[in-house]
Protein backbone atom coordinates (compact mmCIF):
# COMPACT_ATOMS: atom_id res chain seq x y z
CA MET A 1 2.13 46.98 -24.69
CA ASP A 2 2.33 47.42 -20.91
CA TRP A 3 3.45 44.83 -18.38
CA GLY A 4 -0.10 44.14 -17.26
CA THR A 5 -1.08 43.08 -20.77
CA ILE A 6 2.05 40.94 -21.11
CA LEU A 7 1.39 39.18 -17.81
CA LEU A 8 -2.24 38.61 -18.75
CA ALA A 9 -1.21 37.11 -22.09
CA PHE A 10 1.40 34.90 -20.42
CA HIS A 11 -1.13 33.81 -17.81
CA SER A 12 -3.65 32.91 -20.52
CA LEU A 13 -1.11 30.95 -22.58
CA LEU A 14 0.15 29.10 -19.52
CA VAL A 15 -3.33 28.06 -18.43
CA LEU A 16 -4.30 27.17 -22.00
CA ALA A 17 -1.22 24.97 -22.47
CA PHE A 18 -1.89 22.93 -19.35
CA VAL A 19 -5.64 22.78 -20.02
CA VAL A 20 -4.96 21.31 -23.48
CA ARG A 21 -2.57 18.80 -21.94
CA ILE A 22 -5.18 17.78 -19.37
CA LEU A 23 -7.85 17.43 -22.04
CA LEU A 24 -5.55 15.21 -24.09
CA ARG A 25 -5.06 12.74 -21.22
CA ASP A 26 -7.36 9.74 -21.49
CA ASP A 27 -6.29 8.38 -18.11
CA LEU A 28 -7.79 11.24 -16.07
CA SER A 29 -11.27 10.98 -14.60
CA PRO A 30 -13.68 13.92 -15.11
CA PRO A 31 -13.42 14.91 -11.40
CA ALA A 32 -9.62 15.00 -11.67
CA ARG A 33 -9.80 17.16 -14.79
CA LEU A 34 -12.21 19.53 -13.06
CA ALA A 35 -9.96 19.75 -9.99
CA TRP A 36 -6.96 20.65 -12.14
CA PHE A 37 -8.98 23.26 -14.04
CA ILE A 38 -9.94 24.90 -10.73
CA VAL A 39 -6.37 24.93 -9.43
CA LEU A 40 -4.91 26.23 -12.69
CA ASN A 41 -7.40 29.07 -12.93
CA LEU A 42 -7.28 30.10 -9.27
CA VAL A 43 -3.49 29.95 -8.87
CA PRO A 44 -2.10 29.63 -12.41
CA TYR A 45 1.62 29.95 -11.72
CA PHE A 46 1.63 27.84 -8.59
CA GLY A 47 -0.84 25.41 -10.17
CA SER A 48 1.30 25.07 -13.31
CA ALA A 49 4.36 24.29 -11.21
CA ILE A 50 2.43 21.74 -9.18
CA TYR A 51 1.08 20.11 -12.33
CA PHE A 52 4.57 19.95 -13.83
CA LEU A 53 5.92 18.27 -10.70
CA PHE A 54 2.97 16.10 -9.64
CA GLY A 55 0.30 16.12 -12.34
CA GLU A 56 1.55 13.24 -14.46
CA ILE A 57 1.66 9.71 -13.03
CA ASP A 58 4.70 8.67 -15.02
CA ILE A 59 7.68 6.82 -13.63
CA GLY A 60 9.65 7.32 -16.82
CA ARG A 61 10.33 5.24 -19.90
CA ARG A 62 13.57 3.78 -18.59
CA LEU A 63 11.97 2.36 -15.45
CA LYS A 64 8.91 1.14 -17.35
CA LYS A 65 11.12 -0.73 -19.78
CA ARG A 66 13.13 -2.24 -16.92
CA HIS A 67 9.90 -3.29 -15.16
CA GLU A 68 8.77 -5.14 -18.27
CA GLU A 69 12.16 -6.85 -18.54
CA VAL A 70 12.09 -7.87 -14.88
CA PHE A 71 8.64 -9.43 -14.98
CA GLY A 72 9.43 -11.01 -18.33
CA GLU A 73 12.37 -12.80 -16.70
CA ILE A 74 10.30 -13.75 -13.65
CA ARG A 75 7.52 -15.25 -15.79
CA ALA A 76 10.04 -17.09 -17.97
CA ARG A 77 12.08 -18.55 -15.11
CA ALA A 78 9.74 -18.75 -12.11
CA SER A 79 6.21 -19.26 -13.43
CA ALA A 80 5.94 -22.52 -11.47
CA PHE A 81 5.89 -20.47 -8.25
CA MET A 82 3.27 -17.99 -9.47
CA GLY A 83 0.39 -20.48 -9.51
CA VAL A 84 -2.00 -21.41 -12.32
CA PRO A 85 -5.48 -20.08 -13.18
CA ALA A 86 -7.11 -23.50 -12.85
CA ASP A 87 -6.29 -23.62 -9.13
CA THR A 88 -8.55 -20.64 -8.48
CA ASP A 89 -11.57 -22.67 -9.62
CA ARG A 90 -10.36 -25.65 -7.62
CA LEU A 91 -9.44 -23.87 -4.39
CA ILE A 92 -11.66 -20.79 -4.05
CA GLU A 93 -15.37 -20.81 -3.27
CA PRO A 94 -17.44 -19.70 -6.29
CA LEU A 95 -18.69 -16.53 -4.59
CA TYR A 96 -15.15 -15.17 -4.16
CA ARG A 97 -13.51 -16.39 -7.36
CA PRO A 98 -14.02 -13.11 -9.28
CA ALA A 99 -11.90 -11.21 -6.74
CA PHE A 100 -9.09 -13.79 -6.81
CA ARG A 101 -9.17 -13.84 -10.62
CA TYR A 102 -8.98 -10.07 -10.75
CA ALA A 103 -6.05 -10.03 -8.32
CA ALA A 104 -4.24 -12.56 -10.52
CA SER A 105 -4.73 -10.34 -13.57
CA ILE A 106 -2.58 -7.58 -12.09
CA ASN A 107 0.84 -9.23 -12.10
CA GLY A 108 0.24 -12.93 -12.59
CA PHE A 109 0.19 -14.34 -9.06
CA HIS A 110 -2.58 -16.94 -8.71
CA ALA A 111 -3.97 -18.67 -5.62
CA VAL A 112 -1.66 -21.41 -4.34
CA PRO A 113 -2.66 -24.02 -1.71
CA GLY A 114 -0.95 -25.19 1.46
CA ASN A 115 -0.32 -21.96 3.37
CA ASP A 116 -0.43 -21.16 7.07
CA ALA A 117 -0.39 -17.84 8.92
CA GLU A 118 -0.02 -16.60 12.47
CA LEU A 119 -1.28 -13.20 13.58
CA MET A 120 1.27 -11.30 15.67
CA ALA A 121 -0.07 -10.03 19.00
CA ASP A 122 1.53 -6.57 18.82
CA GLY A 123 4.60 -4.63 17.82
CA ASP A 124 6.80 -6.18 20.49
CA GLU A 125 5.98 -9.72 19.40
CA THR A 126 6.46 -8.79 15.75
CA ARG A 127 9.93 -7.45 16.47
CA ALA A 128 10.91 -10.40 18.66
CA ARG A 129 9.69 -13.04 16.22
CA LEU A 130 11.18 -11.31 13.20
CA VAL A 131 14.59 -10.94 14.84
CA ALA A 132 14.47 -14.58 16.04
CA ASP A 133 13.67 -15.76 12.51
CA ILE A 134 16.57 -13.76 11.07
CA ASP A 135 18.88 -15.12 13.77
CA ALA A 136 17.80 -18.65 12.81
CA ALA A 137 18.32 -18.07 9.08
CA THR A 138 20.85 -20.29 7.35
CA GLU A 139 20.62 -19.28 3.68
CA GLN A 140 18.96 -15.97 2.74
CA VAL A 141 17.22 -12.99 4.30
CA HIS A 142 15.48 -10.33 2.22
CA VAL A 143 13.89 -7.19 3.65
CA LEU A 144 12.21 -4.17 2.06
CA TYR A 145 10.71 -1.31 4.07
CA TYR A 146 9.20 2.02 3.12
CA ILE A 147 10.16 3.56 6.48
CA TRP A 148 13.18 2.21 8.33
CA LEU A 149 14.00 4.18 11.46
CA GLY A 150 17.02 3.98 13.73
CA ASP A 151 14.85 3.24 16.79
CA ASN A 152 14.64 -0.02 18.75
CA THR A 153 12.86 -1.99 16.01
CA GLY A 154 14.93 -0.58 13.15
CA THR A 155 18.20 -1.08 15.00
CA ASP A 156 17.33 -4.62 16.14
CA ILE A 157 16.49 -5.69 12.58
CA ALA A 158 19.67 -4.10 11.23
CA GLU A 159 21.81 -5.78 13.90
CA ALA A 160 20.15 -9.14 13.16
CA LEU A 161 21.01 -8.71 9.48
CA ILE A 162 24.60 -7.86 10.40
CA ARG A 163 24.85 -11.02 12.51
CA ALA A 164 23.34 -13.10 9.73
CA ALA A 165 25.67 -11.71 7.08
CA ARG A 166 28.72 -12.32 9.25
CA ARG A 167 27.83 -16.00 9.64
CA GLY A 168 27.54 -16.40 5.87
CA VAL A 169 23.83 -15.84 5.22
CA THR A 170 23.09 -13.93 2.01
CA CYS A 171 21.27 -10.76 3.13
CA ARG A 172 19.65 -8.22 0.85
CA ALA A 173 18.14 -5.06 2.34
CA MET A 174 16.18 -2.36 0.54
CA ALA A 175 14.68 0.87 1.77
CA ASP A 176 12.71 3.63 0.07
CA GLY A 177 14.78 6.65 -0.86
CA LEU A 178 12.38 9.10 0.77
CA GLY A 179 10.72 7.20 3.62
CA SER A 180 14.06 5.86 4.90
CA ARG A 181 16.32 8.75 3.92
CA ALA A 182 17.75 9.17 7.43
CA MET A 183 18.58 5.46 7.74
CA ILE A 184 20.23 5.37 4.31
CA LYS A 185 22.56 8.18 5.41
CA SER A 186 23.23 6.67 8.84
CA ALA A 187 26.25 4.91 10.30
CA LEU A 188 24.05 1.86 10.91
CA TRP A 189 23.31 1.52 7.18
CA LYS A 190 27.04 1.80 6.49
CA ARG A 191 27.76 -0.88 9.10
CA MET A 192 25.31 -3.23 7.40
CA GLY A 193 27.16 -2.80 4.13
CA GLU A 194 30.55 -3.33 5.79
CA ALA A 195 29.26 -6.55 7.38
CA GLY A 196 28.31 -7.94 3.98
CA VAL A 197 24.62 -7.06 3.77
CA GLN A 198 23.80 -6.21 0.15
CA LEU A 199 22.07 -2.81 0.14
CA ALA A 200 19.81 -1.08 -2.36
CA VAL A 201 17.66 2.04 -2.39
CA ALA A 202 14.23 1.97 -3.99
CA LEU A 203 13.47 5.06 -6.07
CA SER A 204 16.70 6.79 -5.15
CA PHE A 205 17.26 10.56 -5.15
CA ARG A 206 20.81 10.28 -6.43
CA ASN A 207 19.85 12.24 -9.55
CA VAL A 208 17.12 14.59 -8.37
CA LEU A 209 17.16 16.63 -11.58
CA ARG A 210 16.40 13.56 -13.70
CA VAL A 211 13.59 12.61 -11.34
CA PHE A 212 12.08 16.09 -11.70
CA LEU A 213 12.34 16.06 -15.49
CA THR A 214 11.32 12.47 -16.26
CA SER A 215 9.14 11.27 -13.39
CA ARG A 216 7.53 12.34 -10.10
CA ILE A 217 9.38 12.86 -6.88
CA ASP A 218 6.47 11.50 -4.81
CA LEU A 219 6.28 8.07 -6.49
CA ARG A 220 7.37 5.83 -3.61
CA ASN A 221 7.93 2.18 -2.71
CA HIS A 222 5.49 1.73 0.18
CA ARG A 223 5.98 -2.04 0.51
CA LYS A 224 6.88 -3.90 3.70
CA ILE A 225 8.35 -7.32 2.82
CA THR A 226 10.46 -9.75 4.84
CA VAL A 227 11.41 -13.19 3.48
CA ILE A 228 13.61 -15.62 5.41
CA ASP A 229 15.21 -18.73 3.87
CA GLY A 230 12.40 -18.85 1.32
CA ARG A 231 10.23 -20.45 4.01
CA ILE A 232 8.86 -17.54 6.07
CA THR A 233 7.42 -14.20 5.06
CA TYR A 234 5.84 -11.37 7.02
CA CYS A 235 3.07 -9.26 5.53
CA GLY A 236 1.12 -6.36 6.98
CA SER A 237 1.21 -2.66 7.68
CA ARG A 238 4.23 -2.32 9.97
CA ASN A 239 7.34 -0.52 8.82
CA SER A 240 10.70 -1.12 10.44
CA ALA A 241 9.80 1.23 13.28
CA ASP A 242 8.51 1.22 16.85
CA PRO A 243 4.84 1.91 17.62
CA GLU A 244 6.05 5.17 19.21
CA PHE A 245 7.04 6.24 15.65
CA LEU A 246 9.39 9.01 16.68
CA VAL A 247 9.13 10.96 13.41
CA LYS A 248 5.44 11.57 14.18
CA ALA A 249 5.32 10.87 17.89
CA ARG A 250 2.36 13.16 18.59
CA TYR A 251 0.05 10.62 16.91
CA ALA A 252 1.53 7.57 18.64
CA PRO A 253 1.12 4.77 19.20
CA TRP A 254 0.85 3.68 15.60
CA VAL A 255 -1.27 0.53 15.66
CA ASP A 256 -0.32 -2.02 13.01
CA ILE A 257 -1.09 -5.58 12.03
CA MET A 258 1.36 -8.25 10.87
CA LEU A 259 0.96 -11.89 9.85
CA ARG A 260 3.74 -14.46 9.64
CA PHE A 261 3.19 -16.79 6.66
CA THR A 262 4.62 -20.14 5.68
CA GLY A 263 3.85 -22.15 2.55
CA PRO A 264 4.03 -21.52 -1.22
CA VAL A 265 2.80 -17.93 -0.90
CA VAL A 266 6.26 -17.17 0.53
CA ALA A 267 7.76 -17.75 -2.93
CA GLN A 268 5.34 -15.24 -4.43
CA ASN A 269 6.38 -12.60 -1.89
CA GLN A 270 9.99 -13.51 -2.64
CA LEU A 271 9.37 -12.85 -6.33
CA LEU A 272 7.75 -9.51 -5.55
CA PHE A 273 10.81 -8.56 -3.51
CA ALA A 274 13.02 -9.81 -6.32
CA SER A 275 11.20 -7.59 -8.84
CA ASP A 276 12.04 -4.51 -6.78
CA TRP A 277 15.60 -5.66 -6.14
CA MET A 278 16.20 -6.34 -9.84
CA GLN A 279 14.68 -2.96 -10.74
CA ALA A 280 16.92 -1.08 -8.31
CA THR A 281 20.19 -2.97 -8.88
CA GLY A 282 20.01 -4.16 -12.48
CA GLU A 283 20.69 -7.71 -11.31
CA SER A 284 18.96 -10.85 -12.59
CA LEU A 285 16.92 -13.48 -10.77
CA ASP A 286 20.09 -15.53 -10.23
CA GLY A 287 20.79 -16.14 -6.56
CA ILE A 288 17.19 -15.56 -5.42
CA MET A 289 16.07 -18.66 -3.54
CA LEU A 290 12.65 -20.00 -4.49
CA ARG A 291 10.97 -22.96 -2.86
CA ALA A 292 7.38 -24.11 -2.45
CA GLU A 293 6.83 -26.11 0.73
CA PRO A 294 3.08 -26.65 1.26
CA VAL A 295 1.74 -26.93 4.80
CA ALA A 296 -0.54 -29.94 5.32
CA GLY A 297 -4.13 -28.75 5.47
CA GLY A 298 -3.10 -25.21 4.58
CA PHE A 299 -5.29 -22.59 2.93
CA PRO A 300 -5.11 -20.91 -0.51
CA ALA A 301 -3.52 -17.49 -0.76
CA GLN A 302 -1.92 -15.22 -3.30
CA VAL A 303 0.24 -12.12 -3.40
CA MET A 304 -1.00 -8.93 -5.03
CA GLY A 305 1.54 -6.26 -5.90
CA VAL A 306 0.60 -2.94 -7.46
CA GLY A 307 2.46 0.19 -8.42
CA PRO A 308 2.81 2.97 -10.99
CA THR A 309 4.29 0.50 -13.47
CA GLU A 310 1.11 -1.63 -13.36
CA ARG A 311 -2.15 -0.67 -15.03
CA ARG A 312 -4.07 2.30 -13.69
CA GLY A 313 -6.96 1.63 -11.32
CA ALA A 314 -5.84 -1.86 -10.31
CA THR A 315 -6.16 -1.29 -6.55
CA PRO A 316 -9.62 0.34 -6.41
CA GLN A 317 -10.87 -2.21 -8.93
CA LEU A 318 -9.51 -5.05 -6.81
CA PHE A 319 -11.15 -3.74 -3.65
CA SER A 320 -14.38 -3.09 -5.54
CA ASN A 321 -14.33 -6.71 -6.73
CA LEU A 322 -13.81 -7.88 -3.17
CA ILE A 323 -16.62 -5.68 -1.88
CA ALA A 324 -18.92 -6.96 -4.63
CA CYS A 325 -18.26 -10.53 -3.45
CA ALA A 326 -19.38 -9.81 0.13
CA ASP A 327 -22.61 -11.60 1.00
CA ARG A 328 -23.07 -10.99 4.74
CA SER A 329 -20.33 -8.85 6.25
CA LEU A 330 -17.50 -6.56 5.21
CA THR A 331 -15.11 -4.87 7.63
CA ILE A 332 -12.29 -2.56 6.59
CA SER A 333 -9.67 -0.68 8.59
CA THR A 334 -7.46 1.93 6.96
CA PRO A 335 -5.70 5.08 8.18
CA TYR A 336 -6.18 6.98 4.93
CA PHE A 337 -9.55 7.02 3.21
CA VAL A 338 -9.68 9.04 -0.01
CA PRO A 339 -11.79 6.82 -2.26
CA ASP A 340 -12.50 7.21 -5.94
CA ALA A 341 -16.01 6.90 -7.39
CA THR A 342 -15.54 3.19 -8.08
CA LEU A 343 -14.81 2.38 -4.46
CA MET A 344 -17.48 4.67 -3.01
CA ASP A 345 -20.15 3.15 -5.24
CA ALA A 346 -19.03 -0.36 -4.27
CA LEU A 347 -19.20 0.40 -0.53
CA CYS A 348 -22.59 2.08 -0.69
CA GLY A 349 -23.92 -0.59 -3.03
CA ALA A 350 -22.88 -3.34 -0.62
CA ALA A 351 -24.63 -1.61 2.29
CA TYR A 352 -27.80 -1.04 0.24
CA ARG A 353 -28.03 -4.74 -0.62
CA GLY A 354 -27.88 -5.69 3.03
CA VAL A 355 -24.21 -6.40 3.69
CA ALA A 356 -23.08 -5.28 7.16
CA VAL A 357 -20.39 -2.77 6.10
CA THR A 358 -18.11 -1.54 8.90
CA LEU A 359 -15.36 1.02 8.37
CA ILE A 360 -12.69 1.80 10.99
CA PHE A 361 -10.62 4.97 10.66
CA PRO A 362 -8.33 6.81 13.11
CA GLU A 363 -10.02 9.55 15.12
CA LYS A 364 -6.90 11.72 14.85
CA ASN A 365 -5.13 11.58 11.49
CA ASP A 366 -1.55 12.67 10.83
CA SER A 367 -2.79 14.26 7.58
CA TRP A 368 -5.34 17.05 8.05
CA ILE A 369 -6.01 17.00 4.31
CA VAL A 370 -6.87 13.29 4.30
CA ALA A 371 -9.00 13.75 7.44
CA ALA A 372 -11.06 16.48 5.77
CA VAL A 373 -11.57 14.49 2.58
CA SER A 374 -12.53 11.37 4.56
CA HIS A 375 -15.09 13.31 6.58
CA SER A 376 -16.67 14.66 3.41
CA TYR A 377 -17.79 11.10 2.58
CA TYR A 378 -19.28 10.26 5.99
CA HIS A 379 -22.78 11.55 5.21
CA ARG A 380 -23.14 9.45 2.08
CA LEU A 381 -21.67 6.31 3.69
CA LEU A 382 -23.84 6.55 6.79
CA ASP A 383 -26.93 7.34 4.75
CA ALA A 384 -26.32 4.13 2.77
CA GLY A 385 -26.18 2.12 6.00
CA CYS A 386 -22.43 1.76 6.51
CA ARG A 387 -21.16 1.86 10.09
CA ILE A 388 -18.16 4.09 10.85
CA HIS A 389 -15.92 3.87 13.92
CA GLU A 390 -13.06 6.24 14.74
CA PHE A 391 -10.18 4.65 16.66
CA LYS A 392 -9.14 6.81 19.61
CA ASP A 393 -6.07 5.02 21.10
CA GLY A 394 -3.44 6.29 18.69
CA LEU A 395 -3.15 6.26 14.92
CA LEU A 396 -4.75 3.11 13.52
CA HIS A 397 -2.33 2.21 10.73
CA ALA A 398 -3.55 -1.35 10.10
CA LYS A 399 -4.82 -2.02 6.59
CA THR A 400 -7.28 -4.92 6.81
CA LEU A 401 -10.29 -6.25 4.96
CA THR A 402 -12.44 -9.23 5.93
CA ILE A 403 -15.45 -10.70 4.13
CA ASP A 404 -18.09 -13.09 5.48
CA GLY A 405 -15.69 -14.65 7.99
CA ARG A 406 -13.96 -16.40 5.06
CA ILE A 407 -11.76 -13.94 3.17
CA ALA A 408 -9.04 -11.66 4.48
CA VAL A 409 -6.62 -9.15 2.97
CA VAL A 410 -3.63 -7.68 4.80
CA GLY A 411 -0.80 -5.60 3.47
CA SER A 412 0.40 -2.09 2.77
CA SER A 413 -2.41 -0.64 0.61
CA ASN A 414 -4.49 2.22 1.97
CA LEU A 415 -7.83 3.20 0.48
CA ASP A 416 -6.52 6.49 -0.86
CA LEU A 417 -5.39 7.84 -4.20
CA ARG A 418 -1.71 7.57 -3.32
CA SER A 419 -2.01 3.81 -2.85
CA PHE A 420 -4.22 3.61 -5.93
CA ASP A 421 -1.89 5.42 -8.33
CA LEU A 422 1.47 6.45 -6.88
CA ASN A 423 2.86 3.86 -4.47
CA TYR A 424 4.28 0.39 -4.91
CA GLU A 425 2.20 -1.76 -2.53
CA ASN A 426 2.05 -5.40 -1.47
CA ASN A 427 -0.86 -7.40 -0.07
CA ILE A 428 -1.79 -11.02 0.55
CA LEU A 429 -5.30 -12.22 -0.24
CA LEU A 430 -6.41 -15.46 1.46
CA GLN A 431 -9.38 -17.74 2.04
CA ASP A 432 -9.45 -19.35 5.47
CA GLU A 433 -11.91 -19.23 8.34
CA THR A 434 -9.34 -19.55 11.14
CA VAL A 435 -7.06 -16.74 9.99
CA THR A 436 -9.98 -14.54 8.98
CA ARG A 437 -11.57 -15.02 12.41
CA ALA A 438 -8.28 -13.94 14.00
CA VAL A 439 -8.21 -10.80 11.87
CA ILE A 440 -11.90 -10.12 12.63
CA LYS A 441 -11.15 -10.44 16.34
CA ARG A 442 -8.39 -7.85 15.93
CA GLN A 443 -10.77 -5.60 14.00
CA GLN A 444 -13.28 -5.95 16.85
CA ASP A 445 -10.55 -4.85 19.25
CA TYR A 446 -10.13 -1.73 17.13
CA ILE A 447 -13.91 -1.15 17.25
CA ASP A 448 -13.96 -1.60 21.03
CA ARG A 449 -11.37 1.17 21.27
CA SER A 450 -13.26 3.45 18.92
CA VAL A 451 -16.04 6.03 18.99
CA PRO A 452 -19.01 5.29 16.70
CA VAL A 453 -19.94 8.02 14.23
CA ARG A 454 -23.67 8.27 13.59
CA LEU A 455 -25.60 10.13 10.92
CA PRO A 456 -27.24 12.58 13.38
CA ASP A 457 -23.75 13.54 14.59
CA VAL A 458 -22.64 14.35 11.06
CA LEU A 459 -25.80 16.29 10.24
CA ILE A 460 -25.14 18.77 13.06
CA TRP A 461 -21.54 19.48 12.09
CA PRO A 462 -21.18 23.30 11.82
CA TRP A 463 -21.56 24.76 8.34
CA HIS A 464 -17.96 25.97 8.17
CA ARG A 465 -16.67 22.42 8.87
CA ARG A 466 -18.87 20.93 6.15
CA ILE A 467 -17.78 23.60 3.67
CA TRP A 468 -14.11 23.02 4.52
CA ASN A 469 -14.40 19.23 4.12
CA ASN A 470 -16.12 19.57 0.77
CA VAL A 471 -13.72 22.22 -0.52
CA VAL A 472 -10.75 19.99 0.27
CA ALA A 473 -12.57 16.98 -1.21
CA THR A 474 -13.03 18.93 -4.44
CA ILE A 475 -9.29 18.72 -5.01
CA GLY A 476 -9.25 15.19 -3.59
CA PRO A 477 -8.48 13.69 -7.04
CA LEU A 478 -5.15 15.56 -6.96
CA LEU A 479 -4.08 14.12 -3.61
C-alpha cells in the first residue's frame, strides 16, 4: 500500500468521523451542518482541527455544574429581588407581555417597577459620571468589563477603585481573560490588588490545555456591568475604554450608548454580576449587597443575561419575540449583524406586515467577515421593506432596540452568532416612553450621520462582490 492510498484512507476516516459527530448533534441547524460538511470536505485537516477547537459550543461539565449551583443559590436566597411573574401582567402593556415573559424564562429575572434611567451624552460624560459615582461610594463597587484598556477611561476607573478601596469600600473588579489580557498583566491591575480591590478573571487562560480539551477558547464574557452601593448601575455597550479605542484605532471613534439606572433593576444587575463573580472565584452570595429602592413614578424593567450555560437560541428567540410585538415602528442599531433564520424571518415578517423597520449598521466594520455576511442579507431585507442606514462617523458600537416609542433594550448583545451562542451578555429591557424617546433620539442621530442603502444600489453591486458576500455567508453559521 503506497502513501497516497494511506493518506486517502486517513482523509476519508477523518472526514467520516467528524461527519458522524455532526449528524449526531441535535443542537445544530441544517445550515450549520451543511457549512461544516463543506469545510470538512474542502479542507479536511484544517477543517477537522477547526471543528475540534471551535465546533462544539460546550463550556465544560465543571463550569456547567458550577453555573447550576450558583443560580440555585441565587434563587434560594435572593428570589425577592428577581421579581414575580404576576407583575408582568400588572406592569406591562398586553402587546409587549410575550417579550417580557420570554426574557424572564431565560434566567428568572421578571419585570420590577419603580426604575429610572438617564441616557449619557457621550463617552466623556459616561467616564465622568461613572468615576464620580465610584468616588461617592460608601459601601460596595462592582465592575465587570469584557475589554478594559489602560487608556484614559480604563485608568480613571481603576484609580477610582483604588481610592474607594483605600477608604474602606468593598470593591470587586472582573475582566475577561481574553478581552482584557493586557490589563490583567499590567502594573495597574497589580496596584488595584495591592490597594485592596478584590480581583477576578472571567474565563481565565491559566490552564490553556484544559480549555482546549474540555471547552472552547473563544467562549468569552462580553458583559459590561457596573454597580455602585446597590443603588446605581450602568448598562450599555461601552467597555472600559476610550472612544479612540487604541487597540483598533483605525476604526475610531467607537460610538457607544450607556444608561445610568436607579431602582430595583439595580439589584438584578447586581445578581448577574454576582453570578459571574461566584463562578470565577468559588465564593458564595455572602457579602453581596442587595437592596430594592423604588423610584416614585418609575417604570418597569428587567435584566436579561445570556451565555453558553443558558439554553441555546435564547437571544435570537428573545429578539424575535420583541420584533413580533412591534406594531408601528422598530429601530435597531448593532455593529455586528450575522442573523440566524429565526431573526431574519422576524425582521422581514415585521416589515411585510407594515411595521417601519429601520436597521443601523457601521459603514466600515472592524471585521471584514461580518461585513460580508451582513451585506449578503441586504437584498432580502430591503426587498421586504426594511430601511438600512450605514453609519459613517466611526464604528457604531451601540446595541439598541426600540419599539413603538414604548419599549427599549440596551446592553451588550449584538445580532450575531457569537452573541447568540458563545458570549455571556447582559441587557436591560424596559417599558417607558420618556427613556425610549431619548434612545430613539440617539438612534436618529446615528441615522443623520449615516448613508442610506437602497435596493437599486444593492442590485448594481458587481457580480464578484455578490459572490464573495454569499460565499462568506455560506459559512456564516460557523462564525
